[in-house]
Amino acid sequence: GKLEKIVTNIKKFQEIRTKNYPNSKIITRVAGVKVNN
């Protein structure tokens, strides 16, 4: 995986959501697995 790629994709998703689906009730979450300090 490449962090920069998924950041670009998630940002674009948010742009589409905000512009074209302003009433969408979808909940978006970044969730990670905690494996180290």
Full PDB file with SEQRES, HELIX, SHEET, SSBOND, CRYST1, ORIGX, SCALE, CONECT and MASTER records, all heavy atoms in Angstrom:
SEQRES   1 A   37  GLY LYS LEU GLU LYS ILE VAL THR ASN ILE LYS LYS PHE          
SEQRES   2 A   37  GLN GLU ILE ARG THR LYS ASN TYR PRO ASN SER LYS ILE          
SEQRES   3 A   37  ILE THR ARG VAL ALA GLY VAL LYS VAL ASN ASN                  
HELIX    1 AA1 LEU A    3  ASN A   20  1                                  18    
CRYST1    1.000    1.000    1.000  90.00  90.00  90.00 P 1           1          
ORIGX1      1.000000  0.000000  0.000000        0.00000                         
ORIGX2      0.000000  1.000000  0.000000        0.00000                         
ORIGX3      0.000000  0.000000  1.000000        0.00000                         
SCALE1      1.000000  0.000000  0.000000        0.00000                         
SCALE2      0.000000  1.000000  0.000000        0.00000                         
SCALE3      0.000000  0.000000  1.000000        0.00000                         
ATOM      1  N   GLY A   1       0.805  -1.211   0.000  1.00  0.00           N  
ATOM      2  CA  GLY A   1       0.000   0.000   0.000  1.00  0.00           C  
ATOM      3  C   GLY A   1       0.838   1.261   0.000  1.00  0.00           C  
ATOM      4  O   GLY A   1       1.958   1.291   0.506  1.00  0.00           O  
ATOM      5  N   LYS A   2       0.284   2.322  -0.591  1.00  0.00           N  
ATOM      6  CA  LYS A   2       0.914   3.640  -0.625  1.00  0.00           C  
ATOM      7  C   LYS A   2      -0.032   4.660   0.007  1.00  0.00           C  
ATOM      8  O   LYS A   2      -1.159   4.847  -0.469  1.00  0.00           O  
ATOM      9  CB  LYS A   2       1.250   4.052  -2.057  1.00  0.00           C  
ATOM     10  CG  LYS A   2       2.232   3.123  -2.763  1.00  0.00           C  
ATOM     11  CD  LYS A   2       3.610   3.174  -2.129  1.00  0.00           C  
ATOM     12  CE  LYS A   2       4.598   2.277  -2.881  1.00  0.00           C  
ATOM     13  NZ  LYS A   2       5.926   2.239  -2.225  1.00  0.00           N  
ATOM     14  N   LEU A   3       0.402   5.284   1.079  1.00  0.00           N  
ATOM     15  CA  LEU A   3      -0.442   6.221   1.803  1.00  0.00           C  
ATOM     16  C   LEU A   3      -0.928   7.351   0.904  1.00  0.00           C  
ATOM     17  O   LEU A   3      -2.102   7.736   0.951  1.00  0.00           O  
ATOM     18  CB  LEU A   3       0.319   6.786   3.006  1.00  0.00           C  
ATOM     19  CG  LEU A   3      -0.450   7.757   3.906  1.00  0.00           C  
ATOM     20  CD1 LEU A   3      -1.659   7.076   4.532  1.00  0.00           C  
ATOM     21  CD2 LEU A   3       0.451   8.325   5.000  1.00  0.00           C  
ATOM     22  N   GLU A   4      -0.036   7.887   0.074  1.00  0.00           N  
ATOM     23  CA  GLU A   4      -0.404   9.025  -0.771  1.00  0.00           C  
ATOM     24  C   GLU A   4      -1.569   8.688  -1.697  1.00  0.00           C  
ATOM     25  O   GLU A   4      -2.449   9.524  -1.943  1.00  0.00           O  
ATOM     26  CB  GLU A   4       0.810   9.484  -1.601  1.00  0.00           C  
ATOM     27  CG  GLU A   4       1.965  10.063  -0.791  1.00  0.00           C  
ATOM     28  CD  GLU A   4       2.809   9.003  -0.084  1.00  0.00           C  
ATOM     29  OE1 GLU A   4       2.645   7.800  -0.406  1.00  0.00           O  
ATOM     30  OE2 GLU A   4       3.606   9.370   0.793  1.00  0.00           O  
ATOM     31  N   LYS A   5      -1.599   7.457  -2.180  1.00  0.00           N  
ATOM     32  CA  LYS A   5      -2.661   7.049  -3.096  1.00  0.00           C  
ATOM     33  C   LYS A   5      -4.013   7.011  -2.400  1.00  0.00           C  
ATOM     34  O   LYS A   5      -5.014   7.514  -2.925  1.00  0.00           O  
ATOM     35  CB  LYS A   5      -2.347   5.678  -3.698  1.00  0.00           C  
ATOM     36  CG  LYS A   5      -3.402   5.194  -4.673  1.00  0.00           C  
ATOM     37  CD  LYS A   5      -3.022   3.856  -5.288  1.00  0.00           C  
ATOM     38  CE  LYS A   5      -4.079   3.409  -6.301  1.00  0.00           C  
ATOM     39  NZ  LYS A   5      -3.744   2.117  -6.932  1.00  0.00           N  
ATOM     40  N   ILE A   6      -4.049   6.422  -1.219  1.00  0.00           N  
ATOM     41  CA  ILE A   6      -5.357   6.314  -0.565  1.00  0.00           C  
ATOM     42  C   ILE A   6      -5.821   7.666  -0.031  1.00  0.00           C  
ATOM     43  O   ILE A   6      -7.021   7.943  -0.002  1.00  0.00           O  
ATOM     44  CB  ILE A   6      -5.370   5.236   0.537  1.00  0.00           C  
ATOM     45  CG1 ILE A   6      -4.575   5.642   1.772  1.00  0.00           C  
ATOM     46  CG2 ILE A   6      -4.909   3.905   0.010  1.00  0.00           C  
ATOM     47  CD1 ILE A   6      -5.006   4.864   3.003  1.00  0.00           C  
ATOM     48  N   VAL A   7      -4.884   8.524   0.356  1.00  0.00           N  
ATOM     49  CA  VAL A   7      -5.265   9.878   0.777  1.00  0.00           C  
ATOM     50  C   VAL A   7      -5.928  10.607  -0.382  1.00  0.00           C  
ATOM     51  O   VAL A   7      -6.982  11.240  -0.227  1.00  0.00           O  
ATOM     52  CB  VAL A   7      -4.039  10.661   1.281  1.00  0.00           C  
ATOM     53  CG1 VAL A   7      -4.384  12.135   1.452  1.00  0.00           C  
ATOM     54  CG2 VAL A   7      -3.546  10.105   2.603  1.00  0.00           C  
ATOM     55  N   THR A   8      -5.341  10.497  -1.564  1.00  0.00           N  
ATOM     56  CA  THR A   8      -5.919  11.119  -2.759  1.00  0.00           C  
ATOM     57  C   THR A   8      -7.315  10.580  -3.022  1.00  0.00           C  
ATOM     58  O   THR A   8      -8.251  11.337  -3.309  1.00  0.00           O  
ATOM     59  CB  THR A   8      -5.019  10.866  -3.983  1.00  0.00           C  
ATOM     60  OG1 THR A   8      -3.736  11.456  -3.759  1.00  0.00           O  
ATOM     61  CG2 THR A   8      -5.634  11.453  -5.244  1.00  0.00           C  
ATOM     62  N   ASN A   9      -7.474   9.273  -2.910  1.00  0.00           N  
ATOM     63  CA  ASN A   9      -8.772   8.649  -3.177  1.00  0.00           C  
ATOM     64  C   ASN A   9      -9.831   9.078  -2.164  1.00  0.00           C  
ATOM     65  O   ASN A   9     -10.972   9.360  -2.520  1.00  0.00           O  
ATOM     66  CB  ASN A   9      -8.633   7.127  -3.158  1.00  0.00           C  
ATOM     67  CG  ASN A   9      -7.832   6.587  -4.323  1.00  0.00           C  
ATOM     68  OD1 ASN A   9      -7.542   7.321  -5.273  1.00  0.00           O  
ATOM     69  ND2 ASN A   9      -7.479   5.325  -4.265  1.00  0.00           N  
ATOM     70  N   ILE A  10      -9.457   9.128  -0.892  1.00  0.00           N  
ATOM     71  CA  ILE A  10     -10.419   9.497   0.149  1.00  0.00           C  
ATOM     72  C   ILE A  10     -10.799  10.970   0.042  1.00  0.00           C  
ATOM     73  O   ILE A  10     -11.965  11.340   0.215  1.00  0.00           O  
ATOM     74  CB  ILE A  10      -9.850   9.163   1.544  1.00  0.00           C  
ATOM     75  CG1 ILE A  10      -9.701   7.642   1.700  1.00  0.00           C  
ATOM     76  CG2 ILE A  10     -10.744   9.719   2.649  1.00  0.00           C  
ATOM     77  CD1 ILE A  10      -8.981   7.202   2.956  1.00  0.00           C  
ATOM     78  N   LYS A  11      -9.822  11.814  -0.260  1.00  0.00           N  
ATOM     79  CA  LYS A  11     -10.120  13.230  -0.466  1.00  0.00           C  
ATOM     80  C   LYS A  11     -11.089  13.421  -1.628  1.00  0.00           C  
ATOM     81  O   LYS A  11     -12.026  14.230  -1.556  1.00  0.00           O  
ATOM     82  CB  LYS A  11      -8.830  14.016  -0.722  1.00  0.00           C  
ATOM     83  CG  LYS A  11      -7.999  14.288   0.513  1.00  0.00           C  
ATOM     84  CD  LYS A  11      -6.777  15.123   0.145  1.00  0.00           C  
ATOM     85  CE  LYS A  11      -5.967  15.497   1.367  1.00  0.00           C  
ATOM     86  NZ  LYS A  11      -4.757  16.300   1.005  1.00  0.00           N  
ATOM     87  N   LYS A  12     -10.862  12.689  -2.710  1.00  0.00           N  
ATOM     88  CA  LYS A  12     -11.732  12.795  -3.874  1.00  0.00           C  
ATOM     89  C   LYS A  12     -13.141  12.317  -3.534  1.00  0.00           C  
ATOM     90  O   LYS A  12     -14.131  12.929  -3.957  1.00  0.00           O  
ATOM     91  CB  LYS A  12     -11.162  11.974  -5.037  1.00  0.00           C  
ATOM     92  CG  LYS A  12     -11.917  12.179  -6.349  1.00  0.00           C  
ATOM     93  CD  LYS A  12     -11.809  13.619  -6.825  1.00  0.00           C  
ATOM     94  CE  LYS A  12     -12.520  13.839  -8.138  1.00  0.00           C  
ATOM     95  NZ  LYS A  12     -12.449  15.245  -8.601  1.00  0.00           N  
ATOM     96  N   PHE A  13     -13.237  11.233  -2.775  1.00  0.00           N  
ATOM     97  CA  PHE A  13     -14.548  10.754  -2.327  1.00  0.00           C  
ATOM     98  C   PHE A  13     -15.272  11.844  -1.550  1.00  0.00           C  
ATOM     99  O   PHE A  13     -16.467  12.091  -1.767  1.00  0.00           O  
ATOM    100  CB  PHE A  13     -14.393   9.500  -1.463  1.00  0.00           C  
ATOM    101  CG  PHE A  13     -15.693   8.982  -0.906  1.00  0.00           C  
ATOM    102  CD1 PHE A  13     -16.447   8.071  -1.619  1.00  0.00           C  
ATOM    103  CD2 PHE A  13     -16.169   9.433   0.322  1.00  0.00           C  
ATOM    104  CE1 PHE A  13     -17.664   7.605  -1.118  1.00  0.00           C  
ATOM    105  CE2 PHE A  13     -17.384   8.974   0.827  1.00  0.00           C  
ATOM    106  CZ  PHE A  13     -18.129   8.064   0.100  1.00  0.00           C  
ATOM    107  N   GLN A  14     -14.554  12.488  -0.653  1.00  0.00           N  
ATOM    108  CA  GLN A  14     -15.165  13.542   0.166  1.00  0.00           C  
ATOM    109  C   GLN A  14     -15.613  14.717  -0.701  1.00  0.00           C  
ATOM    110  O   GLN A  14     -16.670  15.314  -0.462  1.00  0.00           O  
ATOM    111  CB  GLN A  14     -14.179  14.005   1.244  1.00  0.00           C  
ATOM    112  CG  GLN A  14     -14.662  15.165   2.107  1.00  0.00           C  
ATOM    113  CD  GLN A  14     -15.885  14.826   2.950  1.00  0.00           C  
ATOM    114  OE1 GLN A  14     -16.376  13.693   2.920  1.00  0.00           O  
ATOM    115  NE2 GLN A  14     -16.399  15.797   3.678  1.00  0.00           N  
ATOM    116  N   GLU A  15     -14.830  15.054  -1.720  1.00  0.00           N  
ATOM    117  CA  GLU A  15     -15.207  16.141  -2.638  1.00  0.00           C  
ATOM    118  C   GLU A  15     -16.505  15.794  -3.377  1.00  0.00           C  
ATOM    119  O   GLU A  15     -17.406  16.631  -3.509  1.00  0.00           O  
ATOM    120  CB  GLU A  15     -14.089  16.396  -3.639  1.00  0.00           C  
ATOM    121  CG  GLU A  15     -12.850  17.030  -3.044  1.00  0.00           C  
ATOM    122  CD  GLU A  15     -11.701  17.102  -4.050  1.00  0.00           C  
ATOM    123  OE1 GLU A  15     -11.943  16.819  -5.243  1.00  0.00           O  
ATOM    124  OE2 GLU A  15     -10.575  17.423  -3.635  1.00  0.00           O  
ATOM    125  N   ILE A  16     -16.587  14.565  -3.874  1.00  0.00           N  
ATOM    126  CA  ILE A  16     -17.788  14.124  -4.592  1.00  0.00           C  
ATOM    127  C   ILE A  16     -18.991  14.137  -3.661  1.00  0.00           C  
ATOM    128  O   ILE A  16     -20.085  14.587  -4.029  1.00  0.00           O  
ATOM    129  CB  ILE A  16     -17.563  12.714  -5.187  1.00  0.00           C  
ATOM    130  CG1 ILE A  16     -16.487  12.762  -6.271  1.00  0.00           C  
ATOM    131  CG2 ILE A  16     -18.870  12.139  -5.741  1.00  0.00           C  
ATOM    132  CD1 ILE A  16     -16.025  11.389  -6.743  1.00  0.00           C  
ATOM    133  N   ARG A  17     -18.789  13.651  -2.458  1.00  0.00           N  
ATOM    134  CA  ARG A  17     -19.867  13.625  -1.467  1.00  0.00           C  
ATOM    135  C   ARG A  17     -20.367  15.031  -1.163  1.00  0.00           C  
ATOM    136  O   ARG A  17     -21.577  15.291  -1.157  1.00  0.00           O  
ATOM    137  CB  ARG A  17     -19.368  12.949  -0.198  1.00  0.00           C  
ATOM    138  CG  ARG A  17     -20.318  12.985   0.980  1.00  0.00           C  
ATOM    139  CD  ARG A  17     -19.603  12.518   2.244  1.00  0.00           C  
ATOM    140  NE  ARG A  17     -20.450  12.568   3.412  1.00  0.00           N  
ATOM    141  CZ  ARG A  17     -20.029  12.297   4.640  1.00  0.00           C  
ATOM    142  NH1 ARG A  17     -18.763  11.958   4.842  1.00  0.00           N  
ATOM    143  NH2 ARG A  17     -20.850  12.359   5.666  1.00  0.00           N  
ATOM    144  N   THR A  18     -19.445  15.950  -0.905  1.00  0.00           N  
ATOM    145  CA  THR A  18     -19.811  17.317  -0.528  1.00  0.00           C  
ATOM    146  C   THR A  18     -20.512  18.050  -1.668  1.00  0.00           C  
ATOM    147  O   THR A  18     -21.522  18.731  -1.458  1.00  0.00           O  
ATOM    148  CB  THR A  18     -18.559  18.102  -0.099  1.00  0.00           C  
ATOM    149  OG1 THR A  18     -17.928  17.427   0.993  1.00  0.00           O  
ATOM    150  CG2 THR A  18     -18.921  19.520   0.322  1.00  0.00           C  
ATOM    151  N   LYS A  19     -20.010  17.866  -2.869  1.00  0.00           N  
ATOM    152  CA  LYS A  19     -20.537  18.598  -4.025  1.00  0.00           C  
ATOM    153  C   LYS A  19     -21.839  18.014  -4.550  1.00  0.00           C  
ATOM    154  O   LYS A  19     -22.794  18.755  -4.830  1.00  0.00           O  
ATOM    155  CB  LYS A  19     -19.493  18.605  -5.147  1.00  0.00           C  
ATOM    156  CG  LYS A  19     -19.937  19.366  -6.396  1.00  0.00           C  
ATOM    157  CD  LYS A  19     -18.851  19.353  -7.456  1.00  0.00           C  
ATOM    158  CE  LYS A  19     -19.309  20.091  -8.714  1.00  0.00           C  
ATOM    159  NZ  LYS A  19     -18.253  20.075  -9.771  1.00  0.00           N  
ATOM    160  N   ASN A  20     -21.900  16.681  -4.662  1.00  0.00           N  
ATOM    161  CA  ASN A  20     -23.025  16.051  -5.359  1.00  0.00           C  
ATOM    162  C   ASN A  20     -24.033  15.348  -4.453  1.00  0.00           C  
ATOM    163  O   ASN A  20     -25.147  15.042  -4.880  1.00  0.00           O  
ATOM    164  CB  ASN A  20     -22.492  15.046  -6.382  1.00  0.00           C  
ATOM    165  CG  ASN A  20     -21.615  15.699  -7.434  1.00  0.00           C  
ATOM    166  OD1 ASN A  20     -22.025  16.651  -8.085  1.00  0.00           O  
ATOM    167  ND2 ASN A  20     -20.408  15.196  -7.586  1.00  0.00           N  
ATOM    168  N   TYR A  21     -23.631  15.081  -3.204  1.00  0.00           N  
ATOM    169  CA  TYR A  21     -24.529  14.392  -2.271  1.00  0.00           C  
ATOM    170  C   TYR A  21     -24.527  15.111  -0.926  1.00  0.00           C  
ATOM    171  O   TYR A  21     -24.220  14.511   0.113  1.00  0.00           O  
ATOM    172  CB  TYR A  21     -24.098  12.936  -2.101  1.00  0.00           C  
ATOM    173  CG  TYR A  21     -24.103  12.145  -3.386  1.00  0.00           C  
ATOM    174  CD1 TYR A  21     -22.978  12.134  -4.215  1.00  0.00           C  
ATOM    175  CD2 TYR A  21     -25.221  11.412  -3.777  1.00  0.00           C  
ATOM    176  CE1 TYR A  21     -22.976  11.417  -5.401  1.00  0.00           C  
ATOM    177  CE2 TYR A  21     -25.223  10.689  -4.957  1.00  0.00           C  
ATOM    178  CZ  TYR A  21     -24.099  10.704  -5.776  1.00  0.00           C  
ATOM    179  OH  TYR A  21     -24.101   9.989  -6.943  1.00  0.00           O  
ATOM    180  N   PRO A  22     -24.869  16.403  -0.909  1.00  0.00           N  
ATOM    181  CA  PRO A  22     -24.770  17.182   0.342  1.00  0.00           C  
ATOM    182  C   PRO A  22     -25.690  16.681   1.448  1.00  0.00           C  
ATOM    183  O   PRO A  22     -25.445  16.963   2.622  1.00  0.00           O  
ATOM    184  CB  PRO A  22     -25.162  18.598  -0.110  1.00  0.00           C  
ATOM    185  CG  PRO A  22     -25.994  18.392  -1.341  1.00  0.00           C  
ATOM    186  CD  PRO A  22     -25.398  17.200  -2.021  1.00  0.00           C  
ATOM    187  N   ASN A  23     -26.731  15.941   1.096  1.00  0.00           N  
ATOM    188  CA  ASN A  23     -27.664  15.427   2.099  1.00  0.00           C  
ATOM    189  C   ASN A  23     -27.390  13.978   2.485  1.00  0.00           C  
ATOM    190  O   ASN A  23     -28.160  13.375   3.233  1.00  0.00           O  
ATOM    191  CB  ASN A  23     -29.103  15.554   1.586  1.00  0.00           C  
ATOM    192  CG  ASN A  23     -29.507  16.998   1.338  1.00  0.00           C  
ATOM    193  OD1 ASN A  23     -29.156  17.885   2.119  1.00  0.00           O  
ATOM    194  ND2 ASN A  23     -30.210  17.244   0.253  1.00  0.00           N  
ATOM    195  N   SER A  24     -26.305  13.448   1.974  1.00  0.00           N  
ATOM    196  CA  SER A  24     -25.970  12.059   2.297  1.00  0.00           C  
ATOM    197  C   SER A  24     -25.699  11.904   3.793  1.00  0.00           C  
ATOM    198  O   SER A  24     -25.018  12.720   4.410  1.00  0.00           O  
ATOM    199  CB  SER A  24     -24.720  11.620   1.515  1.00  0.00           C  
ATOM    200  OG  SER A  24     -24.274  10.352   1.941  1.00  0.00           O  
ATOM    201  N   LYS A  25     -26.230  10.821   4.356  1.00  0.00           N  
ATOM    202  CA  LYS A  25     -26.022  10.545   5.779  1.00  0.00           C  
ATOM    203  C   LYS A  25     -24.945   9.486   6.004  1.00  0.00           C  
ATOM    204  O   LYS A  25     -24.806   8.962   7.107  1.00  0.00           O  
ATOM    205  CB  LYS A  25     -27.341  10.110   6.414  1.00  0.00           C  
ATOM    206  CG  LYS A  25     -28.397  11.211   6.437  1.00  0.00           C  
ATOM    207  CD  LYS A  25     -29.674  10.737   7.121  1.00  0.00           C  
ATOM    208  CE  LYS A  25     -30.702  11.852   7.177  1.00  0.00           C  
ATOM    209  NZ  LYS A  25     -31.958  11.399   7.853  1.00  0.00           N  
ATOM    210  N   ILE A  26     -24.196   9.172   4.978  1.00  0.00           N  
ATOM    211  CA  ILE A  26     -23.140   8.181   5.113  1.00  0.00           C  
ATOM    212  C   ILE A  26     -22.107   8.645   6.140  1.00  0.00           C  
ATOM    213  O   ILE A  26     -21.800   9.836   6.242  1.00  0.00           O  
ATOM    214  CB  ILE A  26     -22.468   7.911   3.748  1.00  0.00           C  
ATOM    215  CG1 ILE A  26     -21.597   6.655   3.808  1.00  0.00           C  
ATOM    216  CG2 ILE A  26     -21.667   9.115   3.276  1.00  0.00           C  
ATOM    217  CD1 ILE A  26     -21.086   6.192   2.450  1.00  0.00           C  
ATOM    218  N   ILE A  27     -21.631   7.722   6.937  1.00  0.00           N  
ATOM    219  CA  ILE A  27     -20.600   8.000   7.941  1.00  0.00           C  
ATOM    220  C   ILE A  27     -19.276   7.446   7.431  1.00  0.00           C  
ATOM    221  O   ILE A  27     -19.194   6.266   7.075  1.00  0.00           O  
ATOM    222  CB  ILE A  27     -20.951   7.339   9.288  1.00  0.00           C  
ATOM    223  CG1 ILE A  27     -22.260   7.913   9.843  1.00  0.00           C  
ATOM    224  CG2 ILE A  27     -19.827   7.528  10.310  1.00  0.00           C  
ATOM    225  CD1 ILE A  27     -22.835   7.116  11.006  1.00  0.00           C  
ATOM    226  N   THR A  28     -18.257   8.273   7.369  1.00  0.00           N  
ATOM    227  CA  THR A  28     -16.941   7.818   6.940  1.00  0.00           C  
ATOM    228  C   THR A  28     -15.999   7.758   8.136  1.00  0.00           C  
ATOM    229  O   THR A  28     -16.025   8.634   9.003  1.00  0.00           O  
ATOM    230  CB  THR A  28     -16.339   8.737   5.858  1.00  0.00           C  
ATOM    231  OG1 THR A  28     -16.290  10.079   6.347  1.00  0.00           O  
ATOM    232  CG2 THR A  28     -17.176   8.690   4.590  1.00  0.00           C  
ATOM    233  N   ARG A  29     -15.187   6.707   8.163  1.00  0.00           N  
ATOM    234  CA  ARG A  29     -14.290   6.512   9.301  1.00  0.00           C  
ATOM    235  C   ARG A  29     -12.963   5.952   8.821  1.00  0.00           C  
ATOM    236  O   ARG A  29     -12.929   5.019   8.021  1.00  0.00           O  
ATOM    237  CB  ARG A  29     -14.910   5.541  10.307  1.00  0.00           C  
ATOM    238  CG  ARG A  29     -14.045   5.263  11.543  1.00  0.00           C  
ATOM    239  CD  ARG A  29     -14.622   4.105  12.368  1.00  0.00           C  
ATOM    240  NE  ARG A  29     -16.012   4.320  12.690  1.00  0.00           N  
ATOM    241  CZ  ARG A  29     -16.928   3.362  12.732  1.00  0.00           C  
ATOM    242  NH1 ARG A  29     -16.601   2.108  12.481  1.00  0.00           N  
ATOM    243  NH2 ARG A  29     -18.177   3.641  13.025  1.00  0.00           N  
ATOM    244  N   VAL A  30     -11.876   6.534   9.286  1.00  0.00           N  
ATOM    245  CA  VAL A  30     -10.561   5.904   9.149  1.00  0.00           C  
ATOM    246  C   VAL A  30     -10.318   5.108  10.418  1.00  0.00           C  
ATOM    247  O   VAL A  30     -10.351   5.660  11.520  1.00  0.00           O  
ATOM    248  CB  VAL A  30      -9.445   6.940   8.925  1.00  0.00           C  
ATOM    249  CG1 VAL A  30      -8.079   6.323   9.186  1.00  0.00           C  
ATOM    250  CG2 VAL A  30      -9.486   7.477   7.506  1.00  0.00           C  
ATOM    251  N   ALA A  31     -10.119   3.807  10.259  1.00  0.00           N  
ATOM    252  CA  ALA A  31      -9.895   2.941  11.418  1.00  0.00           C  
ATOM    253  C   ALA A  31      -8.623   2.141  11.215  1.00  0.00           C  
ATOM    254  O   ALA A  31      -8.424   1.523  10.165  1.00  0.00           O  
ATOM    255  CB  ALA A  31     -11.080   1.995  11.621  1.00  0.00           C  
ATOM    256  N   GLY A  32      -7.761   2.182  12.207  1.00  0.00           N  
ATOM    257  CA  GLY A  32      -6.505   1.458  12.141  1.00  0.00           C  
ATOM    258  C   GLY A  32      -6.406   0.383  13.188  1.00  0.00           C  
ATOM    259  O   GLY A  32      -7.100   0.425  14.212  1.00  0.00           O  
ATOM    260  N   VAL A  33      -5.571  -0.590  12.927  1.00  0.00           N  
ATOM    261  CA  VAL A  33      -5.276  -1.634  13.896  1.00  0.00           C  
ATOM    262  C   VAL A  33      -4.067  -1.195  14.712  1.00  0.00           C  
ATOM    263  O   VAL A  33      -3.012  -0.894  14.156  1.00  0.00           O  
ATOM    264  CB  VAL A  33      -4.982  -2.983  13.201  1.00  0.00           C  
ATOM    265  CG1 VAL A  33      -4.663  -4.061  14.234  1.00  0.00           C  
ATOM    266  CG2 VAL A  33      -6.171  -3.404  12.342  1.00  0.00           C  
ATOM    267  N   LYS A  34      -4.220  -1.118  16.027  1.00  0.00           N  
ATOM    268  CA  LYS A  34      -3.149  -0.649  16.902  1.00  0.00           C  
ATOM    269  C   LYS A  34      -2.195  -1.799  17.198  1.00  0.00           C  
ATOM    270  O   LYS A  34      -2.509  -2.718  17.942  1.00  0.00           O  
ATOM    271  CB  LYS A  34      -3.738  -0.114  18.216  1.00  0.00           C  
ATOM    272  CG  LYS A  34      -2.709   0.558  19.132  1.00  0.00           C  
ATOM    273  CD  LYS A  34      -2.331   1.935  18.626  1.00  0.00           C  
ATOM    274  CE  LYS A  34      -1.653   2.780  19.692  1.00  0.00           C  
ATOM    275  NZ  LYS A  34      -0.345   2.273  20.150  1.00  0.00           N  
ATOM    276  N   VAL A  35      -1.014  -1.740  16.577  1.00  0.00           N  
ATOM    277  CA  VAL A  35      -0.053  -2.836  16.732  1.00  0.00           C  
ATOM    278  C   VAL A  35       1.255  -2.402  17.393  1.00  0.00           C  
ATOM    279  O   VAL A  35       2.037  -3.252  17.833  1.00  0.00           O  
ATOM    280  CB  VAL A  35       0.268  -3.499  15.372  1.00  0.00           C  
ATOM    281  CG1 VAL A  35      -0.957  -4.185  14.816  1.00  0.00           C  
ATOM    282  CG2 VAL A  35       0.814  -2.479  14.377  1.00  0.00           C  
ATOM    283  N   ASN A  36       1.516  -1.083  17.479  1.00  0.00           N  
ATOM    284  CA  ASN A  36       2.761  -0.651  18.120  1.00  0.00           C  
ATOM    285  C   ASN A  36       2.627   0.756  18.686  1.00  0.00           C  
ATOM    286  O   ASN A  36       1.622   1.440  18.476  1.00  0.00           O  
ATOM    287  CB  ASN A  36       3.943  -0.745  17.141  1.00  0.00           C  
ATOM    288  CG  ASN A  36       3.774   0.159  15.934  1.00  0.00           C  
ATOM    289  OD1 ASN A  36       3.364   1.313  16.044  1.00  0.00           O  
ATOM    290  ND2 ASN A  36       4.089  -0.368  14.747  1.00  0.00           N  
ATOM    291  N   ASN A  37       3.650   1.185  19.398  1.00  0.00           N  
ATOM    292  CA  ASN A  37       3.617   2.484  20.076  1.00  0.00           C  
ATOM    293  C   ASN A  37       3.898   3.654  19.145  1.00  0.00           C  
ATOM    294  O   ASN A  37       3.820   4.813  19.565  1.00  0.00           O  
ATOM    295  CB  ASN A  37       4.623   2.488  21.231  1.00  0.00           C  
ATOM    296  CG  ASN A  37       4.214   1.550  22.354  1.00  0.00           C  
ATOM    297  OD1 ASN A  37       3.028   1.337  22.591  1.00  0.00           O  
ATOM    298  ND2 ASN A  37       5.195   0.969  23.040  1.00  0.00           N  
TER     299      ASN A  37                                                      
MASTER        0    0    0    1    0    0    0    6  298    1    0    3          
END                                                                             
